[in-house]
């Protein structure tokens, strides 16, 4: 069995109910809460100001933008399609 280069670690966090509800509203069924939270933490630790987009890759921009629209909205479908194209 091959080991991951950067293994994951399970943690437990507590969120306000309203924060959790907003997170659930913006994530589609296919999107990972863990990935969203991991990305948010990495951006905060890097000191990336979310208003300064010059540090974001195209995939980062699309991923961040995907949380702005309700899941399965036309905008969300377009963004998910573009993310799939970038992943190839």
PDB file of N, CA and C in Angstrom:
ATOM      1  N   UNK A   1       0.836  -1.178   0.000  1.00  0.00           N
ATOM      2  CA  UNK A   1       0.000   0.000   0.000  1.00  0.00           C
ATOM      3  C   UNK A   1       0.886   1.249   0.000  1.00  0.00           C
ATOM      4  N   UNK A   2       0.572   2.184  -0.855  1.00  0.00           N
ATOM      5  CA  UNK A   2       1.352   3.414  -0.980  1.00  0.00           C
ATOM      6  C   UNK A   2       0.888   4.445   0.043  1.00  0.00           C
ATOM      7  N   UNK A   3       1.822   5.107   0.676  1.00  0.00           N
ATOM      8  CA  UNK A   3       1.495   6.146   1.639  1.00  0.00           C
ATOM      9  C   UNK A   3       1.351   7.491   0.934  1.00  0.00           C
ATOM     10  N   UNK A   4       0.439   8.301   1.435  1.00  0.00           N
ATOM     11  CA  UNK A   4       0.241   9.629   0.875  1.00  0.00           C
ATOM     12  C   UNK A   4       1.439  10.509   1.215  1.00  0.00           C
ATOM     13  N   UNK A   5       1.813  11.371   0.275  1.00  0.00           N
ATOM     14  CA  UNK A   5       2.922  12.294   0.507  1.00  0.00           C
ATOM     15  C   UNK A   5       2.579  13.288   1.620  1.00  0.00           C
ATOM     16  N   UNK A   6       1.318  13.640   1.711  1.00  0.00           N
ATOM     17  CA  UNK A   6       0.866  14.573   2.743  1.00  0.00           C
ATOM     18  C   UNK A   6      -0.394  13.976   3.380  1.00  0.00           C
ATOM     19  N   UNK A   7      -0.206  13.057   4.329  1.00  0.00           N
ATOM     20  CA  UNK A   7      -1.364  12.360   4.885  1.00  0.00           C
ATOM     21  C   UNK A   7      -2.317  13.318   5.612  1.00  0.00           C
ATOM     22  N   UNK A   8      -3.552  12.891   5.692  1.00  0.00           N
ATOM     23  CA  UNK A   8      -4.555  13.703   6.378  1.00  0.00           C
ATOM     24  C   UNK A   8      -4.643  13.270   7.840  1.00  0.00           C
ATOM     25  N   UNK A   9      -5.249  14.136   8.631  1.00  0.00           N
ATOM     26  CA  UNK A   9      -5.438  13.852  10.045  1.00  0.00           C
ATOM     27  C   UNK A   9      -6.851  14.257  10.419  1.00  0.00           C
ATOM     28  N   UNK A  10      -7.546  13.379  11.085  1.00  0.00           N
ATOM     29  CA  UNK A  10      -8.920  13.641  11.501  1.00  0.00           C
ATOM     30  C   UNK A  10      -8.913  14.526  12.747  1.00  0.00           C
ATOM     31  N   UNK A  11      -9.739  15.588  12.703  1.00  0.00           N
ATOM     32  CA  UNK A  11      -9.899  16.462  13.856  1.00  0.00           C
ATOM     33  C   UNK A  11     -11.392  16.706  14.072  1.00  0.00           C
ATOM     34  N   UNK A  12     -11.705  17.275  15.184  1.00  0.00           N
ATOM     35  CA  UNK A  12     -13.087  17.648  15.481  1.00  0.00           C
ATOM     36  C   UNK A  12     -13.117  19.149  15.729  1.00  0.00           C
ATOM     37  N   UNK A  13     -14.077  19.843  15.113  1.00  0.00           N
ATOM     38  CA  UNK A  13     -14.204  21.287  15.318  1.00  0.00           C
ATOM     39  C   UNK A  13     -15.649  21.609  15.683  1.00  0.00           C
ATOM     40  N   UNK A  14     -15.840  22.749  16.266  1.00  0.00           N
ATOM     41  CA  UNK A  14     -17.175  23.220  16.620  1.00  0.00           C
ATOM     42  C   UNK A  14     -17.440  24.502  15.850  1.00  0.00           C
ATOM     43  N   UNK A  15     -18.584  24.552  15.173  1.00  0.00           N
ATOM     44  CA  UNK A  15     -18.991  25.732  14.418  1.00  0.00           C
ATOM     45  C   UNK A  15     -20.319  26.238  14.950  1.00  0.00           C
ATOM     46  N   UNK A  16     -20.545  27.522  14.804  1.00  0.00           N
ATOM     47  CA  UNK A  16     -21.866  28.065  15.106  1.00  0.00           C
ATOM     48  C   UNK A  16     -22.865  27.421  14.150  1.00  0.00           C
ATOM     49  N   UNK A  17     -24.066  27.200  14.626  1.00  0.00           N
ATOM     50  CA  UNK A  17     -25.103  26.586  13.779  1.00  0.00           C
ATOM     51  C   UNK A  17     -25.324  27.389  12.507  1.00  0.00           C
ATOM     52  N   UNK A  18     -25.288  28.704  12.623  1.00  0.00           N
ATOM     53  CA  UNK A  18     -25.515  29.545  11.441  1.00  0.00           C
ATOM     54  C   UNK A  18     -24.374  29.407  10.436  1.00  0.00           C
ATOM     55  N   UNK A  19     -23.148  29.273  10.907  1.00  0.00           N
ATOM     56  CA  UNK A  19     -22.001  29.082  10.016  1.00  0.00           C
ATOM     57  C   UNK A  19     -22.112  27.737   9.306  1.00  0.00           C
ATOM     58  N   UNK A  20     -22.461  26.706  10.063  1.00  0.00           N
ATOM     59  CA  UNK A  20     -22.617  25.381   9.471  1.00  0.00           C
ATOM     60  C   UNK A  20     -23.733  25.379   8.427  1.00  0.00           C
ATOM     61  N   UNK A  21     -24.837  26.047   8.733  1.00  0.00           N
ATOM     62  CA  UNK A  21     -25.967  26.105   7.793  1.00  0.00           C
ATOM     63  C   UNK A  21     -25.551  26.801   6.501  1.00  0.00           C
ATOM     64  N   UNK A  22     -24.792  27.894   6.607  1.00  0.00           N
ATOM     65  CA  UNK A  22     -24.319  28.598   5.404  1.00  0.00           C
ATOM     66  C   UNK A  22     -23.378  27.720   4.600  1.00  0.00           C
ATOM     67  N   UNK A  23     -22.512  27.004   5.292  1.00  0.00           N
ATOM     68  CA  UNK A  23     -21.581  26.098   4.612  1.00  0.00           C
ATOM     69  C   UNK A  23     -22.350  25.025   3.848  1.00  0.00           C
ATOM     70  N   UNK A  24     -23.327  24.426   4.487  1.00  0.00           N
ATOM     71  CA  UNK A  24     -24.125  23.387   3.838  1.00  0.00           C
ATOM     72  C   UNK A  24     -24.911  23.934   2.648  1.00  0.00           C
ATOM     73  N   UNK A  25     -25.352  25.176   2.755  1.00  0.00           N
ATOM     74  CA  UNK A  25     -26.119  25.799   1.666  1.00  0.00           C
ATOM     75  C   UNK A  25     -25.255  25.965   0.418  1.00  0.00           C
ATOM     76  N   UNK A  26     -23.988  26.281   0.595  1.00  0.00           N
ATOM     77  CA  UNK A  26     -23.127  26.593  -0.537  1.00  0.00           C
ATOM     78  C   UNK A  26     -22.362  25.403  -1.100  1.00  0.00           C
ATOM     79  N   UNK A  27     -22.253  24.333  -0.332  1.00  0.00           N
ATOM     80  CA  UNK A  27     -21.552  23.161  -0.843  1.00  0.00           C
ATOM     81  C   UNK A  27     -22.531  22.242  -1.562  1.00  0.00           C
ATOM     82  N   UNK A  28     -22.110  21.773  -2.726  1.00  0.00           N
ATOM     83  CA  UNK A  28     -22.923  20.770  -3.412  1.00  0.00           C
ATOM     84  C   UNK A  28     -22.664  19.424  -2.753  1.00  0.00           C
ATOM     85  N   UNK A  29     -23.452  18.445  -3.123  1.00  0.00           N
ATOM     86  CA  UNK A  29     -23.302  17.108  -2.555  1.00  0.00           C
ATOM     87  C   UNK A  29     -21.919  16.539  -2.847  1.00  0.00           C
ATOM     88  N   UNK A  30     -21.356  16.901  -3.995  1.00  0.00           N
ATOM     89  CA  UNK A  30     -20.053  16.367  -4.389  1.00  0.00           C
ATOM     90  C   UNK A  30     -18.881  17.101  -3.726  1.00  0.00           C
ATOM     91  N   UNK A  31     -19.124  18.293  -3.200  1.00  0.00           N
ATOM     92  CA  UNK A  31     -18.038  19.070  -2.596  1.00  0.00           C
ATOM     93  C   UNK A  31     -17.786  18.614  -1.159  1.00  0.00           C
ATOM     94  N   UNK A  32     -16.557  18.684  -0.771  1.00  0.00           N
ATOM     95  CA  UNK A  32     -16.129  18.209   0.535  1.00  0.00           C
ATOM     96  C   UNK A  32     -16.036  19.352   1.546  1.00  0.00           C
ATOM     97  N   UNK A  33     -16.689  19.168   2.697  1.00  0.00           N
ATOM     98  CA  UNK A  33     -16.549  20.135   3.787  1.00  0.00           C
ATOM     99  C   UNK A  33     -15.096  20.214   4.217  1.00  0.00           C
ATOM    100  N   UNK A  34     -14.463  19.057   4.335  1.00  0.00           N
ATOM    101  CA  UNK A  34     -13.069  19.021   4.769  1.00  0.00           C
ATOM    102  C   UNK A  34     -12.169  19.798   3.825  1.00  0.00           C
ATOM    103  N   UNK A  35     -12.370  19.624   2.525  1.00  0.00           N
ATOM    104  CA  UNK A  35     -11.552  20.348   1.547  1.00  0.00           C
ATOM    105  C   UNK A  35     -11.787  21.846   1.649  1.00  0.00           C
ATOM    106  N   UNK A  36     -13.036  22.254   1.836  1.00  0.00           N
ATOM    107  CA  UNK A  36     -13.350  23.676   1.970  1.00  0.00           C
ATOM    108  C   UNK A  36     -12.660  24.260   3.199  1.00  0.00           C
ATOM    109  N   UNK A  37     -12.768  23.565   4.326  1.00  0.00           N
ATOM    110  CA  UNK A  37     -12.165  24.057   5.573  1.00  0.00           C
ATOM    111  C   UNK A  37     -10.653  24.038   5.472  1.00  0.00           C
ATOM    112  N   UNK A  38     -10.081  22.991   4.866  1.00  0.00           N
ATOM    113  CA  UNK A  38      -8.637  22.919   4.674  1.00  0.00           C
ATOM    114  C   UNK A  38      -8.146  24.095   3.836  1.00  0.00           C
ATOM    115  N   UNK A  39      -8.859  24.401   2.755  1.00  0.00           N
ATOM    116  CA  UNK A  39      -8.497  25.520   1.891  1.00  0.00           C
ATOM    117  C   UNK A  39      -8.570  26.839   2.650  1.00  0.00           C
ATOM    118  N   UNK A  40      -9.617  27.026   3.436  1.00  0.00           N
ATOM    119  CA  UNK A  40      -9.774  28.263   4.205  1.00  0.00           C
ATOM    120  C   UNK A  40      -8.639  28.437   5.219  1.00  0.00           C
ATOM    121  N   UNK A  41      -8.275  27.349   5.877  1.00  0.00           N
ATOM    122  CA  UNK A  41      -7.185  27.412   6.854  1.00  0.00           C
ATOM    123  C   UNK A  41      -5.859  27.709   6.165  1.00  0.00           C
ATOM    124  N   UNK A  42      -5.595  27.023   5.040  1.00  0.00           N
ATOM    125  CA  UNK A  42      -4.337  27.265   4.316  1.00  0.00           C
ATOM    126  C   UNK A  42      -4.234  28.714   3.855  1.00  0.00           C
ATOM    127  N   UNK A  43      -5.340  29.267   3.345  1.00  0.00           N
ATOM    128  CA  UNK A  43      -5.326  30.662   2.899  1.00  0.00           C
ATOM    129  C   UNK A  43      -5.064  31.599   4.079  1.00  0.00           C
ATOM    130  N   UNK A  44      -5.681  31.336   5.204  1.00  0.00           N
ATOM    131  CA  UNK A  44      -5.485  32.178   6.387  1.00  0.00           C
ATOM    132  C   UNK A  44      -4.036  32.089   6.867  1.00  0.00           C
ATOM    133  N   UNK A  45      -3.481  30.876   6.893  1.00  0.00           N
ATOM    134  CA  UNK A  45      -2.100  30.705   7.343  1.00  0.00           C
ATOM    135  C   UNK A  45      -1.098  31.341   6.391  1.00  0.00           C
ATOM    136  N   UNK A  46      -1.416  31.352   5.094  1.00  0.00           N
ATOM    137  CA  UNK A  46      -0.544  31.997   4.118  1.00  0.00           C
ATOM    138  C   UNK A  46      -0.672  33.507   4.185  1.00  0.00           C
ATOM    139  N   UNK A  47      -1.701  33.980   4.864  1.00  0.00           N
ATOM    140  CA  UNK A  47      -1.923  35.407   4.964  1.00  0.00           C
ATOM    141  C   UNK A  47      -2.539  35.990   3.716  1.00  0.00           C
ATOM    142  N   UNK A  48      -3.200  35.144   2.924  1.00  0.00           N
ATOM    143  CA  UNK A  48      -3.828  35.632   1.700  1.00  0.00           C
ATOM    144  C   UNK A  48      -5.073  36.418   2.060  1.00  0.00           C
ATOM    145  N   UNK A  49      -5.087  37.654   1.637  1.00  0.00           N
ATOM    146  CA  UNK A  49      -6.267  38.492   1.793  1.00  0.00           C
ATOM    147  C   UNK A  49      -7.245  38.094   0.703  1.00  0.00           C
ATOM    148  N   UNK A  50      -8.437  37.688   1.099  1.00  0.00           N
ATOM    149  CA  UNK A  50      -9.393  37.197   0.108  1.00  0.00           C
ATOM    150  C   UNK A  50      -9.828  38.274  -0.869  1.00  0.00           C
ATOM    151  N   UNK A  51      -9.517  39.546  -0.589  1.00  0.00           N
ATOM    152  CA  UNK A  51      -9.848  40.600  -1.542  1.00  0.00           C
ATOM    153  C   UNK A  51      -8.738  40.789  -2.571  1.00  0.00           C
ATOM    154  N   UNK A  52      -7.561  40.190  -2.340  1.00  0.00           N
ATOM    155  CA  UNK A  52      -6.435  40.270  -3.276  1.00  0.00           C
ATOM    156  C   UNK A  52      -6.351  38.954  -4.041  1.00  0.00           C
ATOM    157  N   UNK A  53      -6.862  38.944  -5.255  1.00  0.00           N
ATOM    158  CA  UNK A  53      -6.946  37.694  -6.006  1.00  0.00           C
ATOM    159  C   UNK A  53      -5.689  37.377  -6.803  1.00  0.00           C
ATOM    160  N   UNK A  54      -4.702  38.238  -6.761  1.00  0.00           N
ATOM    161  CA  UNK A  54      -3.503  38.014  -7.580  1.00  0.00           C
ATOM    162  C   UNK A  54      -2.741  36.757  -7.170  1.00  0.00           C
ATOM    163  N   UNK A  55      -2.902  36.290  -5.946  1.00  0.00           N
ATOM    164  CA  UNK A  55      -2.195  35.106  -5.465  1.00  0.00           C
ATOM    165  C   UNK A  55      -2.920  33.808  -5.796  1.00  0.00           C
ATOM    166  N   UNK A  56      -4.145  33.888  -6.292  1.00  0.00           N
ATOM    167  CA  UNK A  56      -4.953  32.705  -6.548  1.00  0.00           C
ATOM    168  C   UNK A  56      -4.649  32.111  -7.920  1.00  0.00           C
ATOM    169  N   UNK A  57      -4.619  30.792  -7.994  1.00  0.00           N
ATOM    170  CA  UNK A  57      -4.549  30.123  -9.289  1.00  0.00           C
ATOM    171  C   UNK A  57      -5.953  30.152  -9.894  1.00  0.00           C
ATOM    172  N   UNK A  58      -6.070  29.789 -11.160  1.00  0.00           N
ATOM    173  CA  UNK A  58      -7.397  29.729 -11.785  1.00  0.00           C
ATOM    174  C   UNK A  58      -8.313  28.767 -11.034  1.00  0.00           C
ATOM    175  N   UNK A  59      -7.771  27.617 -10.641  1.00  0.00           N
ATOM    176  CA  UNK A  59      -8.574  26.637  -9.904  1.00  0.00           C
ATOM    177  C   UNK A  59      -9.002  27.198  -8.548  1.00  0.00           C
ATOM    178  N   UNK A  60      -8.087  27.911  -7.868  1.00  0.00           N
ATOM    179  CA  UNK A  60      -8.437  28.528  -6.580  1.00  0.00           C
ATOM    180  C   UNK A  60      -9.553  29.552  -6.747  1.00  0.00           C
ATOM    181  N   UNK A  61      -9.454  30.355  -7.797  1.00  0.00           N
ATOM    182  CA  UNK A  61     -10.492  31.363  -8.050  1.00  0.00           C
ATOM    183  C   UNK A  61     -11.846  30.713  -8.285  1.00  0.00           C
ATOM    184  N   UNK A  62     -11.853  29.680  -9.115  1.00  0.00           N
ATOM    185  CA  UNK A  62     -13.118  28.995  -9.396  1.00  0.00           C
ATOM    186  C   UNK A  62     -13.667  28.314  -8.151  1.00  0.00           C
ATOM    187  N   UNK A  63     -12.806  27.684  -7.389  1.00  0.00           N
ATOM    188  CA  UNK A  63     -13.240  27.007  -6.166  1.00  0.00           C
ATOM    189  C   UNK A  63     -13.835  28.018  -5.188  1.00  0.00           C
ATOM    190  N   UNK A  64     -13.174  29.143  -5.032  1.00  0.00           N
ATOM    191  CA  UNK A  64     -13.689  30.179  -4.142  1.00  0.00           C
ATOM    192  C   UNK A  64     -15.006  30.732  -4.661  1.00  0.00           C
ATOM    193  N   UNK A  65     -15.077  30.958  -5.950  1.00  0.00           N
ATOM    194  CA  UNK A  65     -16.301  31.481  -6.556  1.00  0.00           C
ATOM    195  C   UNK A  65     -17.460  30.496  -6.438  1.00  0.00           C
ATOM    196  N   UNK A  66     -17.141  29.207  -6.431  1.00  0.00           N
ATOM    197  CA  UNK A  66     -18.205  28.192  -6.372  1.00  0.00           C
ATOM    198  C   UNK A  66     -19.005  28.288  -5.080  1.00  0.00           C
ATOM    199  N   UNK A  67     -18.414  28.820  -4.014  1.00  0.00           N
ATOM    200  CA  UNK A  67     -19.122  28.931  -2.738  1.00  0.00           C
ATOM    201  C   UNK A  67     -20.047  30.145  -2.688  1.00  0.00           C
ATOM    202  N   UNK A  68     -19.992  30.977  -3.695  1.00  0.00           N
ATOM    203  CA  UNK A  68     -20.826  32.178  -3.740  1.00  0.00           C
ATOM    204  C   UNK A  68     -22.243  31.887  -4.227  1.00  0.00           C
ATOM    205  N   UNK A  69     -22.387  30.831  -5.020  1.00  0.00           N
ATOM    206  CA  UNK A  69     -23.676  30.546  -5.645  1.00  0.00           C
ATOM    207  C   UNK A  69     -24.330  29.317  -5.033  1.00  0.00           C
ATOM    208  N   UNK A  70     -25.642  29.293  -5.009  1.00  0.00           N
ATOM    209  CA  UNK A  70     -26.334  28.103  -4.498  1.00  0.00           C
ATOM    210  C   UNK A  70     -25.980  26.881  -5.340  1.00  0.00           C
ATOM    211  N   UNK A  71     -25.894  25.731  -4.686  1.00  0.00           N
ATOM    212  CA  UNK A  71     -25.555  24.521  -5.425  1.00  0.00           C
ATOM    213  C   UNK A  71     -26.605  24.225  -6.477  1.00  0.00           C
ATOM    214  N   UNK A  72     -26.129  23.737  -7.610  1.00  0.00           N
ATOM    215  CA  UNK A  72     -26.936  23.379  -8.778  1.00  0.00           C
ATOM    216  C   UNK A  72     -27.560  24.578  -9.496  1.00  0.00           C
ATOM    217  N   UNK A  73     -27.177  25.791  -9.130  1.00  0.00           N
ATOM    218  CA  UNK A  73     -27.618  26.967  -9.887  1.00  0.00           C
ATOM    219  C   UNK A  73     -26.867  26.965 -11.213  1.00  0.00           C
ATOM    220  N   UNK A  74     -27.335  27.710 -12.215  1.00  0.00           N
ATOM    221  CA  UNK A  74     -26.600  27.746 -13.497  1.00  0.00           C
ATOM    222  C   UNK A  74     -25.143  28.166 -13.318  1.00  0.00           C
ATOM    223  N   UNK A  75     -24.907  29.114 -12.424  1.00  0.00           N
ATOM    224  CA  UNK A  75     -23.530  29.563 -12.186  1.00  0.00           C
ATOM    225  C   UNK A  75     -22.686  28.444 -11.590  1.00  0.00           C
ATOM    226  N   UNK A  76     -23.266  27.719 -10.641  1.00  0.00           N
ATOM    227  CA  UNK A  76     -22.561  26.618 -10.000  1.00  0.00           C
ATOM    228  C   UNK A  76     -22.236  25.519 -11.011  1.00  0.00           C
ATOM    229  N   UNK A  77     -23.188  25.198 -11.870  1.00  0.00           N
ATOM    230  CA  UNK A  77     -22.967  24.171 -12.896  1.00  0.00           C
ATOM    231  C   UNK A  77     -21.822  24.589 -13.822  1.00  0.00           C
ATOM    232  N   UNK A  78     -21.810  25.849 -14.222  1.00  0.00           N
ATOM    233  CA  UNK A  78     -20.735  26.351 -15.079  1.00  0.00           C
ATOM    234  C   UNK A  78     -19.383  26.269 -14.380  1.00  0.00           C
ATOM    235  N   UNK A  79     -19.340  26.705 -13.141  1.00  0.00           N
ATOM    236  CA  UNK A  79     -18.088  26.690 -12.392  1.00  0.00           C
ATOM    237  C   UNK A  79     -17.587  25.264 -12.200  1.00  0.00           C
ATOM    238  N   UNK A  80     -18.484  24.341 -11.867  1.00  0.00           N
ATOM    239  CA  UNK A  80     -18.080  22.944 -11.684  1.00  0.00           C
ATOM    240  C   UNK A  80     -17.553  22.354 -12.987  1.00  0.00           C
ATOM    241  N   UNK A  81     -18.160  22.747 -14.107  1.00  0.00           N
ATOM    242  CA  UNK A  81     -17.681  22.285 -15.416  1.00  0.00           C
ATOM    243  C   UNK A  81     -16.277  22.805 -15.696  1.00  0.00           C
ATOM    244  N   UNK A  82     -16.058  24.068 -15.419  1.00  0.00           N
ATOM    245  CA  UNK A  82     -14.728  24.647 -15.628  1.00  0.00           C
ATOM    246  C   UNK A  82     -13.678  24.005 -14.708  1.00  0.00           C
ATOM    247  N   UNK A  83     -14.060  23.700 -13.473  1.00  0.00           N
ATOM    248  CA  UNK A  83     -13.128  23.029 -12.558  1.00  0.00           C
ATOM    249  C   UNK A  83     -12.748  21.644 -13.084  1.00  0.00           C
ATOM    250  N   UNK A  84     -13.711  20.945 -13.660  1.00  0.00           N
ATOM    251  CA  UNK A  84     -13.416  19.629 -14.231  1.00  0.00           C
ATOM    252  C   UNK A  84     -12.455  19.745 -15.410  1.00  0.00           C
ATOM    253  N   UNK A  85     -12.631  20.778 -16.225  1.00  0.00           N
ATOM    254  CA  UNK A  85     -11.731  21.002 -17.369  1.00  0.00           C
ATOM    255  C   UNK A  85     -10.320  21.297 -16.876  1.00  0.00           C
ATOM    256  N   UNK A  86     -10.202  22.137 -15.834  1.00  0.00           N
ATOM    257  CA  UNK A  86      -8.880  22.463 -15.297  1.00  0.00           C
ATOM    258  C   UNK A  86      -8.197  21.254 -14.665  1.00  0.00           C
ATOM    259  N   UNK A  87      -8.983  20.341 -14.138  1.00  0.00           N
ATOM    260  CA  UNK A  87      -8.420  19.162 -13.471  1.00  0.00           C
ATOM    261  C   UNK A  87      -7.790  18.183 -14.451  1.00  0.00           C
ATOM    262  N   UNK A  88      -8.134  18.295 -15.719  1.00  0.00           N
ATOM    263  CA  UNK A  88      -7.599  17.363 -16.727  1.00  0.00           C
ATOM    264  C   UNK A  88      -6.182  17.690 -17.092  1.00  0.00           C
TER     265      UNK A  88
END
